[in-house]
C-alpha atoms as a PDB file:
ATOM      1  CA  UNK A   1      50.022  30.473 -10.453  1.00  0.00           C
ATOM      2  CA  UNK A   2      48.712  26.877 -11.914  1.00  0.00           C
ATOM      3  CA  UNK A   3      47.944  28.091 -14.475  1.00  0.00           C
ATOM      4  CA  UNK A   4      50.256  30.250 -15.808  1.00  0.00           C
ATOM      5  CA  UNK A   5      53.667  28.129 -14.596  1.00  0.00           C
ATOM      6  CA  UNK A   6      52.687  24.735 -16.798  1.00  0.00           C
ATOM      7  CA  UNK A   7      52.126  27.131 -19.788  1.00  0.00           C
ATOM      8  CA  UNK A   8      55.675  29.496 -19.504  1.00  0.00           C
ATOM      9  CA  UNK A   9      58.360  29.303 -21.865  1.00  0.00           C
ATOM     10  CA  UNK A  10      60.870  29.808 -18.935  1.00  0.00           C
ATOM     11  CA  UNK A  11      60.977  30.295 -15.422  1.00  0.00           C
ATOM     12  CA  UNK A  12      63.102  32.024 -13.261  1.00  0.00           C
ATOM     13  CA  UNK A  13      63.355  31.373  -9.730  1.00  0.00           C
ATOM     14  CA  UNK A  14      65.684  33.270  -7.287  1.00  0.00           C
ATOM     15  CA  UNK A  15      65.727  30.535  -5.397  1.00  0.00           C
ATOM     16  CA  UNK A  16      66.536  26.694  -5.260  1.00  0.00           C
ATOM     17  CA  UNK A  17      63.700  26.731  -2.440  1.00  0.00           C
ATOM     18  CA  UNK A  18      61.206  28.421  -5.082  1.00  0.00           C
ATOM     19  CA  UNK A  19      62.659  26.390  -8.034  1.00  0.00           C
ATOM     20  CA  UNK A  20      61.158  22.740  -6.299  1.00  0.00           C
ATOM     21  CA  UNK A  21      58.124  24.329  -5.024  1.00  0.00           C
ATOM     22  CA  UNK A  22      56.899  25.950  -8.312  1.00  0.00           C
ATOM     23  CA  UNK A  23      57.818  22.493  -9.841  1.00  0.00           C
ATOM     24  CA  UNK A  24      55.982  20.543  -6.606  1.00  0.00           C
ATOM     25  CA  UNK A  25      53.153  22.475  -6.345  1.00  0.00           C
ATOM     26  CA  UNK A  26      52.558  24.475  -9.544  1.00  0.00           C
ATOM     27  CA  UNK A  27      53.462  22.458 -12.054  1.00  0.00           C
ATOM     28  CA  UNK A  28      55.894  24.147 -13.416  1.00  0.00           C
ATOM     29  CA  UNK A  29      58.526  21.981 -15.955  1.00  0.00           C
ATOM     30  CA  UNK A  30      61.478  21.116 -14.249  1.00  0.00           C
ATOM     31  CA  UNK A  31      63.481  21.880 -17.614  1.00  0.00           C
ATOM     32  CA  UNK A  32      62.289  25.183 -17.894  1.00  0.00           C
ATOM     33  CA  UNK A  33      63.267  26.486 -14.187  1.00  0.00           C
ATOM     34  CA  UNK A  34      66.625  28.350 -13.538  1.00  0.00           C
ATOM     35  CA  UNK A  35      67.680  29.237 -10.869  1.00  0.00           C
ATOM     36  CA  UNK A  36      69.061  33.507 -10.982  1.00  0.00           C
ATOM     37  CA  UNK A  37      69.309  34.811  -7.510  1.00  0.00           C
ATOM     38  CA  UNK A  38      68.837  38.644  -6.585  1.00  0.00           C
ATOM     39  CA  UNK A  39      71.467  40.982  -7.298  1.00  0.00           C
ATOM     40  CA  UNK A  40      71.642  43.300  -4.249  1.00  0.00           C
ATOM     41  CA  UNK A  41      72.136  46.902  -5.732  1.00  0.00           C
ATOM     42  CA  UNK A  42      72.060  48.638  -2.366  1.00  0.00           C
ATOM     43  CA  UNK A  43      74.763  50.078  -0.323  1.00  0.00           C
ATOM     44  CA  UNK A  44      76.734  47.537   1.559  1.00  0.00           C
ATOM     45  CA  UNK A  45      79.078  49.595   2.803  1.00  0.00           C
ATOM     46  CA  UNK A  46      78.085  52.731   5.858  1.00  0.00           C
ATOM     47  CA  UNK A  47      80.282  55.467   7.040  1.00  0.00           C
ATOM     48  CA  UNK A  48      78.760  54.973  10.205  1.00  0.00           C
ATOM     49  CA  UNK A  49      81.133  52.319  12.413  1.00  0.00           C
ATOM     50  CA  UNK A  50      79.985  49.698  14.368  1.00  0.00           C
ATOM     51  CA  UNK A  51      82.019  51.482  17.601  1.00  0.00           C
ATOM     52  CA  UNK A  52      78.999  54.176  16.515  1.00  0.00           C
ATOM     53  CA  UNK A  53      76.104  52.237  16.291  1.00  0.00           C
ATOM     54  CA  UNK A  54      77.426  50.413  19.827  1.00  0.00           C
ATOM     55  CA  UNK A  55      77.852  53.574  21.057  1.00  0.00           C
ATOM     56  CA  UNK A  56      73.543  54.256  20.445  1.00  0.00           C
ATOM     57  CA  UNK A  57      73.012  51.504  23.259  1.00  0.00           C
ATOM     58  CA  UNK A  58      75.455  52.132  25.754  1.00  0.00           C
ATOM     59  CA  UNK A  59      73.348  50.038  27.981  1.00  0.00           C
ATOM     60  CA  UNK A  60      74.171  46.824  26.039  1.00  0.00           C
ATOM     61  CA  UNK A  61      77.221  44.709  25.934  1.00  0.00           C
ATOM     62  CA  UNK A  62      75.781  42.710  23.225  1.00  0.00           C
ATOM     63  CA  UNK A  63      73.209  43.331  20.806  1.00  0.00           C
ATOM     64  CA  UNK A  64      70.472  41.326  18.630  1.00  0.00           C
ATOM     65  CA  UNK A  65      69.543  43.264  15.470  1.00  0.00           C
ATOM     66  CA  UNK A  66      66.527  42.166  13.393  1.00  0.00           C
ATOM     67  CA  UNK A  67      66.250  43.806   9.898  1.00  0.00           C
ATOM     68  CA  UNK A  68      63.232  43.449   8.692  1.00  0.00           C
ATOM     69  CA  UNK A  69      59.601  45.124   7.232  1.00  0.00           C
ATOM     70  CA  UNK A  70      56.823  45.307  10.266  1.00  0.00           C
ATOM     71  CA  UNK A  71      54.440  42.631   8.524  1.00  0.00           C
ATOM     72  CA  UNK A  72      52.177  39.279   9.491  1.00  0.00           C
ATOM     73  CA  UNK A  73      54.289  37.268   7.507  1.00  0.00           C
ATOM     74  CA  UNK A  74      57.915  38.563   8.353  1.00  0.00           C
ATOM     75  CA  UNK A  75      56.832  37.334  12.147  1.00  0.00           C
ATOM     76  CA  UNK A  76      58.667  39.783  14.032  1.00  0.00           C
ATOM     77  CA  UNK A  77      56.835  38.616  17.165  1.00  0.00           C
ATOM     78  CA  UNK A  78      58.259  35.417  16.999  1.00  0.00           C
ATOM     79  CA  UNK A  79      61.808  36.843  17.197  1.00  0.00           C
ATOM     80  CA  UNK A  80      60.044  38.420  20.653  1.00  0.00           C
ATOM     81  CA  UNK A  81      59.396  35.914  22.061  1.00  0.00           C
ATOM     82  CA  UNK A  82      62.569  33.971  21.205  1.00  0.00           C
ATOM     83  CA  UNK A  83      64.711  36.790  22.779  1.00  0.00           C
ATOM     84  CA  UNK A  84      61.833  36.895  26.006  1.00  0.00           C
ATOM     85  CA  UNK A  85      63.078  32.992  26.892  1.00  0.00           C
ATOM     86  CA  UNK A  86      66.882  34.194  27.124  1.00  0.00           C
ATOM     87  CA  UNK A  87      65.999  38.099  28.191  1.00  0.00           C
ATOM     88  CA  UNK A  88      66.319  37.098  31.808  1.00  0.00           C
ATOM     89  CA  UNK A  89      69.841  35.067  31.646  1.00  0.00           C
ATOM     90  CA  UNK A  90      71.269  37.899  28.958  1.00  0.00           C
ATOM     91  CA  UNK A  91      70.662  41.286  30.841  1.00  0.00           C
ATOM     92  CA  UNK A  92      72.476  43.569  29.163  1.00  0.00           C
ATOM     93  CA  UNK A  93      71.769  42.066  25.734  1.00  0.00           C
ATOM     94  CA  UNK A  94      69.785  44.738  23.592  1.00  0.00           C
ATOM     95  CA  UNK A  95      66.959  43.386  20.600  1.00  0.00           C
ATOM     96  CA  UNK A  96      67.470  46.249  17.852  1.00  0.00           C
ATOM     97  CA  UNK A  97      64.753  46.407  15.409  1.00  0.00           C
ATOM     98  CA  UNK A  98      65.021  48.383  11.904  1.00  0.00           C
ATOM     99  CA  UNK A  99      61.927  48.482   9.820  1.00  0.00           C
ATOM    100  CA  UNK A 100      58.668  50.559   9.740  1.00  0.00           C
ATOM    101  CA  UNK A 101      55.223  48.602   9.037  1.00  0.00           C
ATOM    102  CA  UNK A 102      51.921  48.364   9.763  1.00  0.00           C
ATOM    103  CA  UNK A 103      52.766  45.292  13.156  1.00  0.00           C
ATOM    104  CA  UNK A 104      54.987  47.850  14.721  1.00  0.00           C
ATOM    105  CA  UNK A 105      52.409  49.149  16.473  1.00  0.00           C
ATOM    106  CA  UNK A 106      51.271  45.379  18.259  1.00  0.00           C
ATOM    107  CA  UNK A 107      55.250  44.738  18.675  1.00  0.00           C
ATOM    108  CA  UNK A 108      55.898  47.496  20.641  1.00  0.00           C
ATOM    109  CA  UNK A 109      52.927  46.364  22.622  1.00  0.00           C
ATOM    110  CA  UNK A 110      54.086  43.098  23.145  1.00  0.00           C
ATOM    111  CA  UNK A 111      57.724  43.967  24.114  1.00  0.00           C
ATOM    112  CA  UNK A 112      55.868  45.406  26.917  1.00  0.00           C
ATOM    113  CA  UNK A 113      53.097  42.149  27.540  1.00  0.00           C
ATOM    114  CA  UNK A 114      56.652  40.131  27.531  1.00  0.00           C
ATOM    115  CA  UNK A 115      58.459  42.170  29.708  1.00  0.00           C
ATOM    116  CA  UNK A 116      61.116  43.023  27.587  1.00  0.00           C
ATOM    117  CA  UNK A 117      60.403  46.627  26.539  1.00  0.00           C
ATOM    118  CA  UNK A 118      63.605  47.678  28.620  1.00  0.00           C
ATOM    119  CA  UNK A 119      65.545  45.721  26.677  1.00  0.00           C
ATOM    120  CA  UNK A 120      64.080  46.270  22.785  1.00  0.00           C
ATOM    121  CA  UNK A 121      64.868  48.722  20.761  1.00  0.00           C
ATOM    122  CA  UNK A 122      62.396  50.311  17.173  1.00  0.00           C
ATOM    123  CA  UNK A 123      64.583  51.861  15.077  1.00  0.00           C
ATOM    124  CA  UNK A 124      62.963  52.326  12.887  1.00  0.00           C
ATOM    125  CA  UNK A 125      63.512  52.648   9.141  1.00  0.00           C
ATOM    126  CA  UNK A 126      67.687  53.258   8.037  1.00  0.00           C
ATOM    127  CA  UNK A 127      68.761  53.117   4.725  1.00  0.00           C
ATOM    128  CA  UNK A 128      71.819  51.658   5.244  1.00  0.00           C
ATOM    129  CA  UNK A 129      72.200  48.976   7.961  1.00  0.00           C
ATOM    130  CA  UNK A 130      75.840  47.798   7.167  1.00  0.00           C
ATOM    131  CA  UNK A 131      77.265  49.052  10.699  1.00  0.00           C
ATOM    132  CA  UNK A 132      73.893  47.660  12.282  1.00  0.00           C
ATOM    133  CA  UNK A 133      75.267  44.496  11.153  1.00  0.00           C
ATOM    134  CA  UNK A 134      79.179  44.841  11.827  1.00  0.00           C
ATOM    135  CA  UNK A 135      78.128  45.655  15.278  1.00  0.00           C
ATOM    136  CA  UNK A 136      75.642  43.021  16.288  1.00  0.00           C
ATOM    137  CA  UNK A 137      76.763  39.819  17.968  1.00  0.00           C
ATOM    138  CA  UNK A 138      73.401  38.217  15.793  1.00  0.00           C
ATOM    139  CA  UNK A 139      71.427  39.019  13.398  1.00  0.00           C
ATOM    140  CA  UNK A 140      67.924  37.510  13.936  1.00  0.00           C
ATOM    141  CA  UNK A 141      65.138  36.582  10.766  1.00  0.00           C
ATOM    142  CA  UNK A 142      61.664  34.942  11.538  1.00  0.00           C
ATOM    143  CA  UNK A 143      59.958  35.551   8.699  1.00  0.00           C
ATOM    144  CA  UNK A 144      57.395  32.283   7.642  1.00  0.00           C
ATOM    145  CA  UNK A 145      59.036  32.133   4.380  1.00  0.00           C
ATOM    146  CA  UNK A 146      61.153  34.183   1.814  1.00  0.00           C
ATOM    147  CA  UNK A 147      61.793  34.014  -1.473  1.00  0.00           C
ATOM    148  CA  UNK A 148      65.061  34.623  -0.899  1.00  0.00           C
ATOM    149  CA  UNK A 149      66.124  36.652   1.584  1.00  0.00           C
ATOM    150  CA  UNK A 150      68.595  39.717   0.879  1.00  0.00           C
ATOM    151  CA  UNK A 151      68.972  39.840   4.365  1.00  0.00           C
ATOM    152  CA  UNK A 152      70.587  37.028   5.206  1.00  0.00           C
ATOM    153  CA  UNK A 153      73.412  38.069   2.498  1.00  0.00           C
ATOM    154  CA  UNK A 154      73.950  41.168   3.914  1.00  0.00           C
ATOM    155  CA  UNK A 155      74.157  40.177   7.711  1.00  0.00           C
ATOM    156  CA  UNK A 156      76.741  37.411   6.122  1.00  0.00           C
ATOM    157  CA  UNK A 157      78.789  39.639   3.882  1.00  0.00           C
ATOM    158  CA  UNK A 158      79.401  42.082   7.056  1.00  0.00           C
ATOM    159  CA  UNK A 159      80.115  39.032   9.080  1.00  0.00           C
ATOM    160  CA  UNK A 160      77.762  38.935  11.676  1.00  0.00           C
ATOM    161  CA  UNK A 161      76.254  35.359  12.899  1.00  0.00           C
ATOM    162  CA  UNK A 162      72.980  34.619  11.486  1.00  0.00           C
ATOM    163  CA  UNK A 163      70.608  32.951  13.796  1.00  0.00           C
ATOM    164  CA  UNK A 164      67.316  31.699  11.175  1.00  0.00           C
ATOM    165  CA  UNK A 165      64.155  30.014  10.219  1.00  0.00           C
ATOM    166  CA  UNK A 166      65.082  27.929   7.248  1.00  0.00           C
ATOM    167  CA  UNK A 167      63.710  29.849   4.624  1.00  0.00           C
ATOM    168  CA  UNK A 168      65.018  31.728   1.530  1.00  0.00           C
ATOM    169  CA  UNK A 169      67.972  30.842   0.669  1.00  0.00           C
ATOM    170  CA  UNK A 170      68.805  28.647   3.354  1.00  0.00           C
ATOM    171  CA  UNK A 171      69.765  24.658   2.725  1.00  0.00           C
ATOM    172  CA  UNK A 172      71.068  25.987  -1.148  1.00  0.00           C
ATOM    173  CA  UNK A 173      73.366  28.681  -0.858  1.00  0.00           C
ATOM    174  CA  UNK A 174      73.502  29.493   3.091  1.00  0.00           C
ATOM    175  CA  UNK A 175      73.583  26.116   5.444  1.00  0.00           C
ATOM    176  CA  UNK A 176      73.971  24.608   8.983  1.00  0.00           C
ATOM    177  CA  UNK A 177      77.939  24.860   8.437  1.00  0.00           C
ATOM    178  CA  UNK A 178      77.606  28.897   7.756  1.00  0.00           C
ATOM    179  CA  UNK A 179      74.452  29.664  10.041  1.00  0.00           C
ATOM    180  CA  UNK A 180      72.020  28.182  13.147  1.00  0.00           C
ATOM    181  CA  UNK A 181      69.020  27.365  11.256  1.00  0.00           C
ATOM    182  CA  UNK A 182      65.431  26.771  13.071  1.00  0.00           C
ATOM    183  CA  UNK A 183      62.502  25.250  11.394  1.00  0.00           C
ATOM    184  CA  UNK A 184      59.460  28.353  10.965  1.00  0.00           C
ATOM    185  CA  UNK A 185      57.618  29.187  14.523  1.00  0.00           C
ATOM    186  CA  UNK A 186      59.865  26.945  16.493  1.00  0.00           C
ATOM    187  CA  UNK A 187      60.725  30.320  19.242  1.00  0.00           C
ATOM    188  CA  UNK A 188      62.728  27.665  21.643  1.00  0.00           C
ATOM    189  CA  UNK A 189      64.811  26.768  19.086  1.00  0.00           C
ATOM    190  CA  UNK A 190      65.898  30.792  18.252  1.00  0.00           C
ATOM    191  CA  UNK A 191      65.755  31.384  21.907  1.00  0.00           C
ATOM    192  CA  UNK A 192      68.324  28.076  22.298  1.00  0.00           C
ATOM    193  CA  UNK A 193      70.615  29.221  19.121  1.00  0.00           C
ATOM    194  CA  UNK A 194      70.746  32.744  20.711  1.00  0.00           C
ATOM    195  CA  UNK A 195      71.968  32.345  24.081  1.00  0.00           C
ATOM    196  CA  UNK A 196      74.122  29.730  22.042  1.00  0.00           C
ATOM    197  CA  UNK A 197      75.979  32.355  19.826  1.00  0.00           C
ATOM    198  CA  UNK A 198      75.492  35.115  22.981  1.00  0.00           C
ATOM    199  CA  UNK A 199      77.256  32.355  25.397  1.00  0.00           C
ATOM    200  CA  UNK A 200      80.231  31.060  22.795  1.00  0.00           C
ATOM    201  CA  UNK A 201      81.505  34.464  21.129  1.00  0.00           C
ATOM    202  CA  UNK A 202      83.938  31.540  19.683  1.00  0.00           C
ATOM    203  CA  UNK A 203      81.059  30.016  18.030  1.00  0.00           C
ATOM    204  CA  UNK A 204      80.023  33.094  16.344  1.00  0.00           C
ATOM    205  CA  UNK A 205      83.329  33.712  14.614  1.00  0.00           C
ATOM    206  CA  UNK A 206      83.269  30.843  13.108  1.00  0.00           C
ATOM    207  CA  UNK A 207      80.082  31.015  11.559  1.00  0.00           C
ATOM    208  CA  UNK A 208      80.289  34.628  10.483  1.00  0.00           C
ATOM    209  CA  UNK A 209      83.754  34.112   8.951  1.00  0.00           C
ATOM    210  CA  UNK A 210      81.945  30.746   6.853  1.00  0.00           C
ATOM    211  CA  UNK A 211      78.813  32.790   5.755  1.00  0.00           C
ATOM    212  CA  UNK A 212      81.178  35.669   4.410  1.00  0.00           C
ATOM    213  CA  UNK A 213      82.952  33.248   2.523  1.00  0.00           C
ATOM    214  CA  UNK A 214      80.055  32.107   0.984  1.00  0.00           C
ATOM    215  CA  UNK A 215      78.678  36.217   0.887  1.00  0.00           C
ATOM    216  CA  UNK A 216      81.576  37.257  -1.035  1.00  0.00           C
ATOM    217  CA  UNK A 217      81.515  36.767  -4.549  1.00  0.00           C
ATOM    218  CA  UNK A 218      77.966  37.111  -4.270  1.00  0.00           C
ATOM    219  CA  UNK A 219      77.954  40.226  -3.521  1.00  0.00           C
ATOM    220  CA  UNK A 220      81.364  41.748  -5.611  1.00  0.00           C
ATOM    221  CA  UNK A 221      80.138  40.040  -8.638  1.00  0.00           C
ATOM    222  CA  UNK A 222      80.220  42.032 -11.655  1.00  0.00           C
ATOM    223  CA  UNK A 223      76.453  44.223 -12.547  1.00  0.00           C
ATOM    224  CA  UNK A 224      77.756  43.024 -15.975  1.00  0.00           C
ATOM    225  CA  UNK A 225      78.008  39.700 -15.654  1.00  0.00           C
ATOM    226  CA  UNK A 226      74.706  38.882 -13.432  1.00  0.00           C
ATOM    227  CA  UNK A 227      73.224  40.685 -16.658  1.00  0.00           C
ATOM    228  CA  UNK A 228      74.706  38.373 -19.184  1.00  0.00           C
ATOM    229  CA  UNK A 229      73.715  35.692 -16.837  1.00  0.00           C
ATOM    230  CA  UNK A 230      70.185  36.905 -16.585  1.00  0.00           C
ATOM    231  CA  UNK A 231      70.471  37.519 -20.131  1.00  0.00           C
ATOM    232  CA  UNK A 232      71.023  34.297 -21.572  1.00  0.00           C
ATOM    233  CA  UNK A 233      68.479  32.711 -19.054  1.00  0.00           C
ATOM    234  CA  UNK A 234      65.926  34.551 -21.205  1.00  0.00           C
ATOM    235  CA  UNK A 235      67.687  33.664 -24.727  1.00  0.00           C
ATOM    236  CA  UNK A 236      67.501  30.152 -24.002  1.00  0.00           C
ATOM    237  CA  UNK A 237      63.350  30.576 -24.736  1.00  0.00           C
END
């Protein structure tokens, strides 16, 4: 990137964070970098209902959701360690992890060693996660880094309160007005914010409504309008 970016005719970044990194760390000319976010082409509605998801987990009164590839940079182990810090004070809360990946076995072992395996469910890959977002009392993203973080928009669109590390689109599209934000790898902060949401449902409703207001125009943008923006960005070269 240090060789290519300074020589590019135009550079598309998916977030302000990526733009700033390209300029600061890789010498990209600022005037050549434009921000064109990712367009979600997936299903954001579901035939399943939030009630049906909750009925899958009758032993839990509250659900905390993780949606992620189970890979090292996603740091799902951080979610487990943060959850372990609050599990005893929230014994009727379940942590539902959607996703597959090479870290699954080690994460399952970690949940056992932390003594929270009775409250953790690995639900595997789900093609459509909208109903899970609608059923959850909190969505947790614990990545060390993200270029964008589409699941944050998906959670916001579904009206699910967000606790996240400060990565991807955080700070530019979603802010502290719409989510509870922690530094990467800070399990104590994540645990504190999770407890805050679980113990203050009104706060979750407030944050979710604010985030949904941001997400709706992003999700509902016509593909033709998005493609025109993309075309115009290329054409300026």
